[in-house]
């Protein structure tokens, strides 16, 4: 297996001063104010190597990430199953992302935490 790129969760930069802005956690706007690890990896990967690849992530992708995963041609997503707290908070987003994966024929696999 060839690793194409790693990514990480990152808050965005603010203004021209280049300091990192840290969102208040557990707010509804957090999802839209950060760069998720999936998108970070996609942005900095060699785009020619993404089609047909497998993406390994620690949590189920959100809708925004799912769209990017599908558009760049990743064929398989592997992640840990979400915690009950994550499902309670983001379950609708995760369900829609999984529906998009089914429609696009992206293989989606969840594994239990050990």
Protein backbone atom coordinates (compact mmCIF):
# COMPACT_ATOMS: atom_id res chain seq x y z
CA UNK A 1 0.00 0.00 0.00
CA UNK A 2 1.29 3.46 -0.91
CA UNK A 3 0.44 6.35 1.43
CA UNK A 4 -0.44 9.37 -0.68
CA UNK A 5 -0.92 12.03 2.00
CA UNK A 6 -1.80 12.57 5.65
CA UNK A 7 -4.13 15.28 6.88
CA UNK A 8 -5.16 16.72 10.21
CA UNK A 9 -7.97 18.75 11.70
CA UNK A 10 -7.07 22.43 11.67
CA UNK A 11 -8.75 25.70 12.53
CA UNK A 12 -8.49 28.43 9.91
CA UNK A 13 -6.16 31.39 9.83
CA UNK A 14 -7.51 34.85 10.52
CA UNK A 15 -6.59 37.94 8.58
CA UNK A 16 -3.15 38.90 7.36
CA UNK A 17 -1.47 38.50 10.76
CA UNK A 18 -1.35 34.72 10.30
CA UNK A 19 -2.39 33.80 13.83
CA UNK A 20 -4.55 30.73 14.23
CA UNK A 21 -8.13 31.23 15.26
CA UNK A 22 -9.39 28.57 17.64
CA UNK A 23 -13.15 28.03 17.50
CA UNK A 24 -15.15 27.50 20.65
CA UNK A 25 -15.68 23.78 20.72
CA UNK A 26 -19.12 22.21 20.71
CA UNK A 27 -20.75 25.06 18.83
CA UNK A 28 -22.91 24.48 15.79
CA UNK A 29 -20.67 26.73 13.71
CA UNK A 30 -17.50 24.69 14.46
CA UNK A 31 -18.19 22.37 11.52
CA UNK A 32 -18.10 25.26 9.04
CA UNK A 33 -15.14 27.11 10.58
CA UNK A 34 -12.51 24.43 10.38
CA UNK A 35 -10.58 22.44 7.82
CA UNK A 36 -11.31 18.80 8.42
CA UNK A 37 -8.54 16.22 8.09
CA UNK A 38 -10.16 14.70 4.99
CA UNK A 39 -10.14 17.98 3.08
CA UNK A 40 -6.68 18.87 4.37
CA UNK A 41 -5.30 15.58 3.01
CA UNK A 42 -7.10 16.02 -0.33
CA UNK A 43 -5.88 19.61 -0.76
CA UNK A 44 -2.23 18.72 -0.31
CA UNK A 45 -2.18 15.33 -2.06
CA UNK A 46 -1.03 14.68 -5.59
CA UNK A 47 -4.43 14.86 -7.31
CA UNK A 48 -3.38 12.34 -9.96
CA UNK A 49 -3.03 9.64 -7.30
CA UNK A 50 -6.41 10.16 -5.59
CA UNK A 51 -8.76 8.41 -8.05
CA UNK A 52 -9.26 4.81 -6.92
CA UNK A 53 -7.57 5.36 -3.55
CA UNK A 54 -8.69 4.52 0.00
CA UNK A 55 -9.09 7.20 2.67
CA UNK A 56 -8.55 6.23 6.33
CA UNK A 57 -10.04 8.63 8.90
CA UNK A 58 -10.70 8.48 12.62
CA UNK A 59 -14.36 9.57 12.45
CA UNK A 60 -17.17 9.36 9.90
CA UNK A 61 -16.92 12.17 7.33
CA UNK A 62 -19.38 15.04 7.33
CA UNK A 63 -21.37 15.98 4.21
CA UNK A 64 -18.89 18.65 3.16
CA UNK A 65 -16.01 16.17 3.31
CA UNK A 66 -18.06 13.44 1.62
CA UNK A 67 -18.66 15.68 -1.39
CA UNK A 68 -14.92 16.37 -1.74
CA UNK A 69 -14.09 12.67 -1.30
CA UNK A 70 -16.52 11.75 -4.08
CA UNK A 71 -15.42 14.53 -6.43
CA UNK A 72 -11.73 13.63 -6.28
CA UNK A 73 -12.43 9.96 -7.07
CA UNK A 74 -11.59 8.26 -3.76
CA UNK A 75 -13.24 4.83 -3.96
CA UNK A 76 -13.17 3.66 -0.34
CA UNK A 77 -13.51 5.32 3.08
CA UNK A 78 -12.52 3.49 6.27
CA UNK A 79 -13.20 4.95 9.71
CA UNK A 80 -13.99 4.13 13.32
CA UNK A 81 -17.65 3.83 14.24
CA UNK A 82 -18.93 7.05 15.85
CA UNK A 83 -19.51 7.32 19.58
CA UNK A 84 -23.10 7.67 20.83
CA UNK A 85 -22.36 11.32 21.66
CA UNK A 86 -21.13 11.95 18.12
CA UNK A 87 -24.23 10.29 16.65
CA UNK A 88 -26.47 12.39 18.88
CA UNK A 89 -24.82 15.61 17.74
CA UNK A 90 -23.89 14.90 14.11
CA UNK A 91 -26.03 11.88 13.19
CA UNK A 92 -27.99 13.69 10.46
CA UNK A 93 -24.78 14.86 8.81
CA UNK A 94 -23.22 11.41 8.96
CA UNK A 95 -26.37 9.76 7.55
CA UNK A 96 -26.47 12.17 4.61
CA UNK A 97 -22.75 11.65 3.94
CA UNK A 98 -23.27 7.88 3.89
CA UNK A 99 -26.22 8.31 1.51
CA UNK A 100 -23.99 10.33 -0.82
CA UNK A 101 -21.35 7.58 -0.67
CA UNK A 102 -23.97 4.95 -1.61
CA UNK A 103 -25.20 7.04 -4.55
CA UNK A 104 -21.63 7.56 -5.78
CA UNK A 105 -20.72 3.90 -5.17
CA UNK A 106 -17.97 4.79 -2.71
CA UNK A 107 -17.30 1.88 -0.35
CA UNK A 108 -17.82 2.98 3.25
CA UNK A 109 -16.57 0.83 6.15
CA UNK A 110 -16.84 1.49 9.88
CA UNK A 111 -14.77 -0.41 12.44
CA UNK A 112 -15.46 -0.65 16.16
CA UNK A 113 -12.97 0.88 18.59
CA UNK A 114 -10.88 -1.78 20.29
